[in-house]
Each structure stands twice: as structure tokens, then as C-alpha cells.
Amino acid sequence: MKKNGTLNSDIAKLLADLGHMDQIVIADAGLPIPVGVKKIDLALTLNDPPFQKLLAILINEMVIEEVILAVEIKSENSAQLKLIEEKLLDKPIHYVSHKEFKKQTSYSKAIIRTGEATPYSNIILQSGVLF
């Protein structure tokens, strides 16, 4: 049995398999999942688990090079944006339209769906390298 870190076997394997520039998505409960992209569904009920809980776990376990957000988060969910910026202070954040964000998710290794029920609580995390 694994002693610490992520116990969810799908997420643990996903993280172990990431290479430089691979992307994964943390999604709110409403983000559409493109055909052919692996979905890891953690949603239990609305807002459980919350977006921020999963983000904190992945920040702790993943080498993150940069992130992509929908520009709409700035006007539609500034509280969530503030929390993201606080946790990812040293990471470049790129903004695209929500329409473009949804297209970009089709290139992701996986989308991890949370129960988050606030608008535009979605993020693409791009993997970096340890060296």
C-alpha cells in the first residue's frame, strides 16, 4: 500500500506517466469532456470535492511549468482566480477564451472532474521537468 501522496490510483498513474509539456485538466462539474480524453471523475455531490482541494494536491505532487485559464474567470469568478494566483505565484498564467479553453482540453492526457459548482473553475496544468 502506498504510504503517502495521492492514493487515487488513476491520478497517481497519470502523474507518474507525465512528460515535459504534457497537460492535464482540473475541471468543474460542468466542463464538457472531449471524446477520447480520459476522464477521472471525483465528483460526489455539488462542490465535493472542491476545485481548490484537488489543485493543492496536484501542486504538491506535480512539476508545473505553466497554466492555462479561461479569460472569463477574471470577470465571472474573481475569488477563484485570486486563490489560483496565490497558489501558483511563480508560474506563468496564459488566458484564452472559454471556447478556446474547451478546444485545448482535447490535447490533455486526462481531465479530472471535481464537484466544483462555480463558473470557470477549470485549469490546464502543463508539466515541467525536475532538472
C-alpha atoms as a PDB file:
ATOM      1  CA  MET A   1       0.000   0.000   0.000  1.00  0.00           C
ATOM      2  CA  LYS A   2       1.193   3.494  -0.866  1.00  0.00           C
ATOM      3  CA  LYS A   3       2.305   5.374   2.252  1.00  0.00           C
ATOM      4  CA  ASN A   4       1.619   8.996   1.274  1.00  0.00           C
ATOM      5  CA  GLY A   5       0.666  11.276  -1.575  1.00  0.00           C
ATOM      6  CA  THR A   6      -2.266  10.687  -3.871  1.00  0.00           C
ATOM      7  CA  LEU A   7      -3.999   7.394  -3.117  1.00  0.00           C
ATOM      8  CA  ASN A   8      -6.315   7.567  -6.135  1.00  0.00           C
ATOM      9  CA  SER A   9      -4.659   5.043  -8.444  1.00  0.00           C
ATOM     10  CA  ASP A  10      -5.770   6.767 -11.667  1.00  0.00           C
ATOM     11  CA  ILE A  11      -4.320  10.122 -10.575  1.00  0.00           C
ATOM     12  CA  ALA A  12      -1.126   8.556  -9.195  1.00  0.00           C
ATOM     13  CA  LYS A  13      -0.518   6.751 -12.514  1.00  0.00           C
ATOM     14  CA  LEU A  14      -1.366   9.862 -14.528  1.00  0.00           C
ATOM     15  CA  LEU A  15       1.199  11.917 -12.595  1.00  0.00           C
ATOM     16  CA  ALA A  16       3.857   9.205 -12.881  1.00  0.00           C
ATOM     17  CA  ASP A  17       3.340   8.995 -16.656  1.00  0.00           C
ATOM     18  CA  LEU A  18       3.563  12.750 -17.378  1.00  0.00           C
ATOM     19  CA  GLY A  19       6.375  14.011 -19.573  1.00  0.00           C
ATOM     20  CA  HIS A  20       7.576  17.527 -20.257  1.00  0.00           C
ATOM     21  CA  MET A  21       4.795  19.715 -21.694  1.00  0.00           C
ATOM     22  CA  ASP A  22       2.052  17.124 -21.158  1.00  0.00           C
ATOM     23  CA  GLN A  23      -1.164  18.727 -19.966  1.00  0.00           C
ATOM     24  CA  ILE A  24      -3.866  17.711 -17.520  1.00  0.00           C
ATOM     25  CA  VAL A  25      -7.085  19.499 -16.606  1.00  0.00           C
ATOM     26  CA  ILE A  26      -8.835  20.083 -13.317  1.00  0.00           C
ATOM     27  CA  ALA A  27     -12.472  20.627 -14.251  1.00  0.00           C
ATOM     28  CA  ASP A  28     -15.557  21.892 -12.518  1.00  0.00           C
ATOM     29  CA  ALA A  29     -18.696  19.752 -12.609  1.00  0.00           C
ATOM     30  CA  GLY A  30     -19.911  21.277 -15.875  1.00  0.00           C
ATOM     31  CA  LEU A  31     -16.914  21.252 -18.212  1.00  0.00           C
ATOM     32  CA  PRO A  32     -17.552  19.015 -21.228  1.00  0.00           C
ATOM     33  CA  ILE A  33     -15.136  16.108 -21.659  1.00  0.00           C
ATOM     34  CA  PRO A  34     -13.959  15.653 -25.261  1.00  0.00           C
ATOM     35  CA  VAL A  35     -14.361  12.229 -26.832  1.00  0.00           C
ATOM     36  CA  GLY A  36     -11.160  10.242 -26.460  1.00  0.00           C
ATOM     37  CA  VAL A  37      -9.779  12.116 -23.445  1.00  0.00           C
ATOM     38  CA  LYS A  38      -9.544  10.095 -20.232  1.00  0.00           C
ATOM     39  CA  LYS A  39     -11.941  11.307 -17.536  1.00  0.00           C
ATOM     40  CA  ILE A  40     -11.133  10.746 -13.881  1.00  0.00           C
ATOM     41  CA  ASP A  41     -14.395  11.563 -12.142  1.00  0.00           C
ATOM     42  CA  LEU A  42     -14.040  12.555  -8.491  1.00  0.00           C
ATOM     43  CA  ALA A  43     -17.384  14.390  -8.234  1.00  0.00           C
ATOM     44  CA  LEU A  44     -19.520  13.139  -5.357  1.00  0.00           C
ATOM     45  CA  THR A  45     -22.008  15.979  -4.972  1.00  0.00           C
ATOM     46  CA  LEU A  46     -22.040  19.625  -5.995  1.00  0.00           C
ATOM     47  CA  ASN A  47     -18.901  21.259  -4.580  1.00  0.00           C
ATOM     48  CA  ASP A  48     -17.489  17.959  -3.317  1.00  0.00           C
ATOM     49  CA  PRO A  49     -14.623  17.720  -3.837  1.00  0.00           C
ATOM     50  CA  PRO A  50     -13.920  21.385  -4.416  1.00  0.00           C
ATOM     51  CA  PHE A  51     -11.579  22.586  -7.152  1.00  0.00           C
ATOM     52  CA  GLN A  52      -9.112  24.116  -4.692  1.00  0.00           C
ATOM     53  CA  LYS A  53      -8.599  20.850  -2.793  1.00  0.00           C
ATOM     54  CA  LEU A  54      -7.502  18.997  -5.908  1.00  0.00           C
ATOM     55  CA  LEU A  55      -5.382  21.924  -7.093  1.00  0.00           C
ATOM     56  CA  ALA A  56      -3.482  21.943  -3.779  1.00  0.00           C
ATOM     57  CA  ILE A  57      -2.797  18.208  -4.069  1.00  0.00           C
ATOM     58  CA  LEU A  58      -1.526  18.474  -7.647  1.00  0.00           C
ATOM     59  CA  ILE A  59       0.671  21.483  -6.866  1.00  0.00           C
ATOM     60  CA  ASN A  60       2.296  19.385  -4.159  1.00  0.00           C
ATOM     61  CA  GLU A  61       2.870  16.358  -6.396  1.00  0.00           C
ATOM     62  CA  MET A  62       3.389  17.687  -9.926  1.00  0.00           C
ATOM     63  CA  VAL A  63       6.100  19.747 -11.591  1.00  0.00           C
ATOM     64  CA  ILE A  64       4.014  22.543 -13.100  1.00  0.00           C
ATOM     65  CA  GLU A  65       5.616  24.654 -15.801  1.00  0.00           C
ATOM     66  CA  GLU A  66       2.678  26.891 -16.697  1.00  0.00           C
ATOM     67  CA  VAL A  67      -1.094  27.086 -16.569  1.00  0.00           C
ATOM     68  CA  ILE A  68      -3.960  28.000 -18.863  1.00  0.00           C
ATOM     69  CA  LEU A  69      -7.217  29.583 -17.706  1.00  0.00           C
ATOM     70  CA  ALA A  70     -10.301  30.898 -19.468  1.00  0.00           C
ATOM     71  CA  VAL A  71     -10.184  34.697 -19.563  1.00  0.00           C
ATOM     72  CA  GLU A  72     -13.805  34.742 -18.354  1.00  0.00           C
ATOM     73  CA  ILE A  73     -12.629  33.717 -14.866  1.00  0.00           C
ATOM     74  CA  LYS A  74     -11.407  37.309 -14.412  1.00  0.00           C
ATOM     75  CA  SER A  75     -14.927  38.741 -14.523  1.00  0.00           C
ATOM     76  CA  GLU A  76     -17.076  35.744 -13.593  1.00  0.00           C
ATOM     77  CA  ASN A  77     -15.122  34.170 -10.711  1.00  0.00           C
ATOM     78  CA  SER A  78     -12.517  36.591  -9.402  1.00  0.00           C
ATOM     79  CA  ALA A  79     -12.434  34.870  -5.990  1.00  0.00           C
ATOM     80  CA  GLN A  80     -11.351  31.587  -7.574  1.00  0.00           C
ATOM     81  CA  LEU A  81      -8.791  33.413  -9.721  1.00  0.00           C
ATOM     82  CA  LYS A  82      -7.292  35.072  -6.646  1.00  0.00           C
ATOM     83  CA  LEU A  83      -6.839  31.697  -4.940  1.00  0.00           C
ATOM     84  CA  ILE A  84      -5.249  30.223  -8.082  1.00  0.00           C
ATOM     85  CA  GLU A  85      -2.835  33.152  -8.390  1.00  0.00           C
ATOM     86  CA  GLU A  86      -1.868  32.866  -4.706  1.00  0.00           C
ATOM     87  CA  LYS A  87      -1.054  29.164  -5.059  1.00  0.00           C
ATOM     88  CA  LEU A  88       0.786  29.497  -8.376  1.00  0.00           C
ATOM     89  CA  LEU A  89       2.714  32.726  -7.755  1.00  0.00           C
ATOM     90  CA  ASP A  90       5.785  31.786  -9.773  1.00  0.00           C
ATOM     91  CA  LYS A  91       4.015  30.107 -12.713  1.00  0.00           C
ATOM     92  CA  PRO A  92       3.136  31.845 -15.975  1.00  0.00           C
ATOM     93  CA  ILE A  93      -0.625  32.029 -16.494  1.00  0.00           C
ATOM     94  CA  HIS A  94      -1.972  32.197 -20.043  1.00  0.00           C
ATOM     95  CA  TYR A  95      -5.537  33.277 -20.698  1.00  0.00           C
ATOM     96  CA  VAL A  96      -7.659  32.121 -23.630  1.00  0.00           C
ATOM     97  CA  SER A  97     -11.363  32.369 -24.374  1.00  0.00           C
ATOM     98  CA  HIS A  98     -13.522  29.687 -22.765  1.00  0.00           C
ATOM     99  CA  LYS A  99     -14.273  28.378 -26.238  1.00  0.00           C
ATOM    100  CA  GLU A 100     -10.537  28.004 -26.936  1.00  0.00           C
ATOM    101  CA  PHE A 101     -10.003  26.512 -23.473  1.00  0.00           C
ATOM    102  CA  LYS A 102     -12.508  23.753 -24.255  1.00  0.00           C
ATOM    103  CA  LYS A 103     -10.721  23.037 -27.553  1.00  0.00           C
ATOM    104  CA  GLN A 104      -7.353  22.888 -25.750  1.00  0.00           C
ATOM    105  CA  THR A 105      -8.645  20.233 -23.328  1.00  0.00           C
ATOM    106  CA  SER A 106      -8.813  17.771 -26.215  1.00  0.00           C
ATOM    107  CA  TYR A 107      -4.980  17.650 -26.143  1.00  0.00           C
ATOM    108  CA  SER A 108      -4.838  16.773 -22.437  1.00  0.00           C
ATOM    109  CA  LYS A 109      -3.711  13.418 -21.075  1.00  0.00           C
ATOM    110  CA  ALA A 110      -6.721  13.439 -18.741  1.00  0.00           C
ATOM    111  CA  ILE A 111      -9.434  15.619 -17.260  1.00  0.00           C
ATOM    112  CA  ILE A 112     -10.041  15.277 -13.544  1.00  0.00           C
ATOM    113  CA  ARG A 113     -13.635  16.255 -12.792  1.00  0.00           C
ATOM    114  CA  THR A 114     -14.403  17.748  -9.398  1.00  0.00           C
ATOM    115  CA  GLY A 115     -17.772  18.618  -7.920  1.00  0.00           C
ATOM    116  CA  GLU A 116     -16.961  22.336  -8.113  1.00  0.00           C
ATOM    117  CA  ALA A 117     -20.048  24.391  -8.933  1.00  0.00           C
ATOM    118  CA  THR A 118     -18.645  27.873  -9.512  1.00  0.00           C
ATOM    119  CA  PRO A 119     -18.224  29.270 -13.034  1.00  0.00           C
ATOM    120  CA  TYR A 120     -14.962  28.864 -14.943  1.00  0.00           C
ATOM    121  CA  SER A 121     -13.292  26.789 -12.203  1.00  0.00           C
ATOM    122  CA  ASN A 122     -11.167  24.942 -14.727  1.00  0.00           C
ATOM    123  CA  ILE A 123      -7.410  24.918 -15.217  1.00  0.00           C
ATOM    124  CA  ILE A 124      -4.950  23.299 -17.578  1.00  0.00           C
ATOM    125  CA  LEU A 125      -1.680  22.379 -15.883  1.00  0.00           C
ATOM    126  CA  GLN A 126       1.340  21.881 -18.121  1.00  0.00           C
ATOM    127  CA  SER A 127       4.000  19.541 -16.844  1.00  0.00           C
ATOM    128  CA  GLY A 128       7.574  20.681 -16.410  1.00  0.00           C
ATOM    129  CA  VAL A 129      10.703  18.685 -15.581  1.00  0.00           C
ATOM    130  CA  LEU A 130      12.649  18.217 -12.347  1.00  0.00           C
ATOM    131  CA  PHE A 131      16.005  19.096 -13.908  1.00  0.00           C
END
